[in-house]
C-alpha cells in the first residue's frame, strides 16, 4: 500500500528568503568561530603584567566589529520580521473580534426572528383550532 505525502509548494520568494537567512546565519557563525579562536589564542599567550597590557590586535578588533555588524544585521532583519508578524496578528485579532461581534448580532437577530415566528405560529394554530371548533359546533347543531 502506497501512502502519498502532500507536496509543499514554495514560491521562489520564500526560497530566496530562506537561502538569504541561511547564508546570513552561516556568515554569523563563521564570524563567531573566528572571534572565539582569536580570543582563545589571546588567552593562551604568556600572561603579561597588568600594567603592560598590550592593545588589542587590529585583526581582533576588525573581527569583533565584523561579528557585531553581522549580529546587528541578522538581528535587525529578525526583529523587523517579528514586528511585522506582531502587527499582522494584531490586525487579525481586531478583524476576528469585529467578526465575532457581527456573528453575535446575527445570531441575536435570528433568535428574535425565530421567537416571533413561533408566536405567530401559535396564534395561527389557536385561530385555526377556534375556527374548527366553531365549524364543528355548526355541523352538530
C-alpha atoms as a PDB file:
ATOM      1  CA  UNK A   1       0.000   0.000   0.000  1.00  0.00           C
ATOM      2  CA  UNK A   2       1.491   3.304  -1.029  1.00  0.00           C
ATOM      3  CA  UNK A   3       0.910   6.339   1.117  1.00  0.00           C
ATOM      4  CA  UNK A   4       1.057   9.640  -0.696  1.00  0.00           C
ATOM      5  CA  UNK A   5       2.529  12.634   1.022  1.00  0.00           C
ATOM      6  CA  UNK A   6       1.152  16.047   0.217  1.00  0.00           C
ATOM      7  CA  UNK A   7       3.801  18.090  -1.501  1.00  0.00           C
ATOM      8  CA  UNK A   8       4.549  21.528  -0.214  1.00  0.00           C
ATOM      9  CA  UNK A   9       4.749  24.176  -2.855  1.00  0.00           C
ATOM     10  CA  UNK A  10       7.100  27.015  -2.109  1.00  0.00           C
ATOM     11  CA  UNK A  11       7.359  30.184  -4.046  1.00  0.00           C
ATOM     12  CA  UNK A  12      10.728  31.347  -5.234  1.00  0.00           C
ATOM     13  CA  UNK A  13      10.493  34.387  -2.945  1.00  0.00           C
ATOM     14  CA  UNK A  14      10.182  32.157   0.111  1.00  0.00           C
ATOM     15  CA  UNK A  15      13.078  30.011  -1.066  1.00  0.00           C
ATOM     16  CA  UNK A  16      15.243  33.063  -1.697  1.00  0.00           C
ATOM     17  CA  UNK A  17      14.387  34.443   1.754  1.00  0.00           C
ATOM     18  CA  UNK A  18      15.310  31.136   3.381  1.00  0.00           C
ATOM     19  CA  UNK A  19      18.558  30.974   1.392  1.00  0.00           C
ATOM     20  CA  UNK A  20      19.427  34.562   2.339  1.00  0.00           C
ATOM     21  CA  UNK A  21      18.667  33.912   6.010  1.00  0.00           C
ATOM     22  CA  UNK A  22      20.683  30.688   5.949  1.00  0.00           C
ATOM     23  CA  UNK A  23      23.642  32.451   4.351  1.00  0.00           C
ATOM     24  CA  UNK A  24      23.487  35.228   6.938  1.00  0.00           C
ATOM     25  CA  UNK A  25      23.353  32.720   9.795  1.00  0.00           C
ATOM     26  CA  UNK A  26      26.289  30.794   8.335  1.00  0.00           C
ATOM     27  CA  UNK A  27      28.241  34.032   7.990  1.00  0.00           C
ATOM     28  CA  UNK A  28      27.497  34.975  11.615  1.00  0.00           C
ATOM     29  CA  UNK A  29      28.532  31.529  12.841  1.00  0.00           C
ATOM     30  CA  UNK A  30      31.805  31.751  10.898  1.00  0.00           C
ATOM     31  CA  UNK A  31      32.496  35.201  12.346  1.00  0.00           C
ATOM     32  CA  UNK A  32      31.791  33.992  15.864  1.00  0.00           C
ATOM     33  CA  UNK A  33      34.007  30.950  15.332  1.00  0.00           C
ATOM     34  CA  UNK A  34      36.875  33.185  14.153  1.00  0.00           C
ATOM     35  CA  UNK A  35      36.340  35.544  17.058  1.00  0.00           C
ATOM     36  CA  UNK A  36      36.411  32.709  19.594  1.00  0.00           C
ATOM     37  CA  UNK A  37      39.564  31.260  18.021  1.00  0.00           C
ATOM     38  CA  UNK A  38      41.280  34.642  18.222  1.00  0.00           C
ATOM     39  CA  UNK A  39      40.052  35.134  21.758  1.00  0.00           C
ATOM     40  CA  UNK A  40      41.339  31.720  22.854  1.00  0.00           C
ATOM     41  CA  UNK A  41      44.671  32.365  21.145  1.00  0.00           C
ATOM     42  CA  UNK A  42      44.895  35.627  23.075  1.00  0.00           C
ATOM     43  CA  UNK A  43      44.251  33.773  26.348  1.00  0.00           C
ATOM     44  CA  UNK A  44      46.952  31.189  25.588  1.00  0.00           C
ATOM     45  CA  UNK A  45      49.635  33.838  25.212  1.00  0.00           C
ATOM     46  CA  UNK A  46      52.010  34.231  28.148  1.00  0.00           C
ATOM     47  CA  UNK A  47      50.457  36.353  30.848  1.00  0.00           C
ATOM     48  CA  UNK A  48      51.739  39.891  30.920  1.00  0.00           C
ATOM     49  CA  UNK A  49      51.683  42.119  33.918  1.00  0.00           C
ATOM     50  CA  UNK A  50      48.553  44.167  34.359  1.00  0.00           C
ATOM     51  CA  UNK A  51      50.417  47.401  33.753  1.00  0.00           C
ATOM     52  CA  UNK A  52      51.856  46.099  30.481  1.00  0.00           C
ATOM     53  CA  UNK A  53      48.551  45.098  28.915  1.00  0.00           C
ATOM     54  CA  UNK A  54      49.093  45.070  25.153  1.00  0.00           C
ATOM     55  CA  UNK A  55      46.499  46.773  22.935  1.00  0.00           C
ATOM     56  CA  UNK A  56      44.140  44.542  21.010  1.00  0.00           C
ATOM     57  CA  UNK A  57      45.385  43.201  17.739  1.00  0.00           C
ATOM     58  CA  UNK A  58      43.870  45.191  14.834  1.00  0.00           C
ATOM     59  CA  UNK A  59      42.655  41.952  13.252  1.00  0.00           C
ATOM     60  CA  UNK A  60      40.884  41.038  16.518  1.00  0.00           C
ATOM     61  CA  UNK A  61      39.218  44.436  16.615  1.00  0.00           C
ATOM     62  CA  UNK A  62      38.160  44.024  12.994  1.00  0.00           C
ATOM     63  CA  UNK A  63      36.772  40.576  13.812  1.00  0.00           C
ATOM     64  CA  UNK A  64      34.833  41.957  16.761  1.00  0.00           C
ATOM     65  CA  UNK A  65      33.455  44.734  14.586  1.00  0.00           C
ATOM     66  CA  UNK A  66      32.562  42.228  11.871  1.00  0.00           C
ATOM     67  CA  UNK A  67      30.784  39.945  14.344  1.00  0.00           C
ATOM     68  CA  UNK A  68      28.902  42.863  15.863  1.00  0.00           C
ATOM     69  CA  UNK A  69      27.770  44.133  12.470  1.00  0.00           C
ATOM     70  CA  UNK A  70      26.710  40.636  11.388  1.00  0.00           C
ATOM     71  CA  UNK A  71      24.728  40.091  14.568  1.00  0.00           C
ATOM     72  CA  UNK A  72      23.084  43.506  14.206  1.00  0.00           C
ATOM     73  CA  UNK A  73      22.212  42.782  10.573  1.00  0.00           C
ATOM     74  CA  UNK A  74      20.704  39.380  11.332  1.00  0.00           C
ATOM     75  CA  UNK A  75      19.002  40.589  14.489  1.00  0.00           C
ATOM     76  CA  UNK A  76      17.674  43.672  12.687  1.00  0.00           C
ATOM     77  CA  UNK A  77      16.102  41.536   9.973  1.00  0.00           C
ATOM     78  CA  UNK A  78      14.656  39.148  12.545  1.00  0.00           C
ATOM     79  CA  UNK A  79      13.285  41.974  14.663  1.00  0.00           C
ATOM     80  CA  UNK A  80      11.680  43.598  11.641  1.00  0.00           C
ATOM     81  CA  UNK A  81      10.060  40.289  10.707  1.00  0.00           C
ATOM     82  CA  UNK A  82       8.828  39.796  14.283  1.00  0.00           C
ATOM     83  CA  UNK A  83       7.403  43.328  14.394  1.00  0.00           C
ATOM     84  CA  UNK A  84       5.631  42.762  11.065  1.00  0.00           C
ATOM     85  CA  UNK A  85       4.235  39.491  12.360  1.00  0.00           C
ATOM     86  CA  UNK A  86       3.035  41.138  15.570  1.00  0.00           C
ATOM     87  CA  UNK A  87       1.265  43.916  13.651  1.00  0.00           C
ATOM     88  CA  UNK A  88      -0.352  41.373  11.306  1.00  0.00           C
ATOM     89  CA  UNK A  89      -1.514  39.298  14.272  1.00  0.00           C
ATOM     90  CA  UNK A  90      -2.929  42.389  15.987  1.00  0.00           C
ATOM     91  CA  UNK A  91      -4.876  43.367  12.880  1.00  0.00           C
ATOM     92  CA  UNK A  92      -6.100  39.786  12.543  1.00  0.00           C
ATOM     93  CA  UNK A  93      -7.180  39.824  16.203  1.00  0.00           C
ATOM     94  CA  UNK A  94      -9.124  43.043  15.602  1.00  0.00           C
ATOM     95  CA  UNK A  95     -10.748  41.558  12.496  1.00  0.00           C
ATOM     96  CA  UNK A  96     -11.714  38.374  14.370  1.00  0.00           C
ATOM     97  CA  UNK A  97     -13.120  40.423  17.253  1.00  0.00           C
ATOM     98  CA  UNK A  98     -15.232  42.509  14.866  1.00  0.00           C
ATOM     99  CA  UNK A  99     -16.424  39.376  13.037  1.00  0.00           C
ATOM    100  CA  UNK A 100     -17.280  37.735  16.373  1.00  0.00           C
ATOM    101  CA  UNK A 101     -19.431  40.710  17.318  1.00  0.00           C
ATOM    102  CA  UNK A 102     -21.131  40.657  13.903  1.00  0.00           C
ATOM    103  CA  UNK A 103     -21.901  36.940  14.258  1.00  0.00           C
ATOM    104  CA  UNK A 104     -23.327  37.532  17.736  1.00  0.00           C
ATOM    105  CA  UNK A 105     -25.602  40.262  16.334  1.00  0.00           C
ATOM    106  CA  UNK A 106     -26.716  37.959  13.519  1.00  0.00           C
ATOM    107  CA  UNK A 107     -27.461  35.121  15.951  1.00  0.00           C
ATOM    108  CA  UNK A 108     -29.403  37.503  18.178  1.00  0.00           C
ATOM    109  CA  UNK A 109     -31.417  38.691  15.173  1.00  0.00           C
ATOM    110  CA  UNK A 110     -32.164  35.103  14.119  1.00  0.00           C
ATOM    111  CA  UNK A 111     -33.227  34.228  17.684  1.00  0.00           C
ATOM    112  CA  UNK A 112     -35.650  37.168  17.767  1.00  0.00           C
ATOM    113  CA  UNK A 113     -36.981  36.214  14.338  1.00  0.00           C
ATOM    114  CA  UNK A 114     -37.429  32.618  15.473  1.00  0.00           C
ATOM    115  CA  UNK A 115     -39.330  33.707  18.594  1.00  0.00           C
ATOM    116  CA  UNK A 116     -41.582  35.959  16.508  1.00  0.00           C
ATOM    117  CA  UNK A 117     -42.232  33.090  14.083  1.00  0.00           C
ATOM    118  CA  UNK A 118     -43.114  30.753  16.988  1.00  0.00           C
ATOM    119  CA  UNK A 119     -45.567  33.311  18.435  1.00  0.00           C
ATOM    120  CA  UNK A 120     -47.157  33.816  15.014  1.00  0.00           C
ATOM    121  CA  UNK A 121     -47.434  30.055  14.501  1.00  0.00           C
ATOM    122  CA  UNK A 122     -49.098  29.635  17.933  1.00  0.00           C
ATOM    123  CA  UNK A 123     -51.567  32.428  17.155  1.00  0.00           C
ATOM    124  CA  UNK A 124     -52.413  30.897  13.788  1.00  0.00           C
ATOM    125  CA  UNK A 125     -52.781  27.433  15.338  1.00  0.00           C
ATOM    126  CA  UNK A 126     -55.069  28.828  18.080  1.00  0.00           C
ATOM    127  CA  UNK A 127     -57.210  30.664  15.494  1.00  0.00           C
ATOM    128  CA  UNK A 128     -57.474  27.588  13.275  1.00  0.00           C
ATOM    129  CA  UNK A 129     -58.490  25.424  16.266  1.00  0.00           C
ATOM    130  CA  UNK A 130     -61.147  28.023  17.222  1.00  0.00           C
ATOM    131  CA  UNK A 131     -62.480  28.025  13.653  1.00  0.00           C
ATOM    132  CA  UNK A 132     -62.503  24.241  13.650  1.00  0.00           C
ATOM    133  CA  UNK A 133     -64.497  24.127  16.908  1.00  0.00           C
ATOM    134  CA  UNK A 134     -66.894  26.728  15.581  1.00  0.00           C
ATOM    135  CA  UNK A 135     -67.324  24.745  12.351  1.00  0.00           C
ATOM    136  CA  UNK A 136     -67.818  21.505  14.308  1.00  0.00           C
ATOM    137  CA  UNK A 137     -70.406  23.267  16.506  1.00  0.00           C
ATOM    138  CA  UNK A 138     -72.321  24.485  13.457  1.00  0.00           C
ATOM    139  CA  UNK A 139     -72.328  20.991  11.930  1.00  0.00           C
ATOM    140  CA  UNK A 140     -73.591  19.377  15.089  1.00  0.00           C
ATOM    141  CA  UNK A 141     -76.439  21.855  15.516  1.00  0.00           C
END
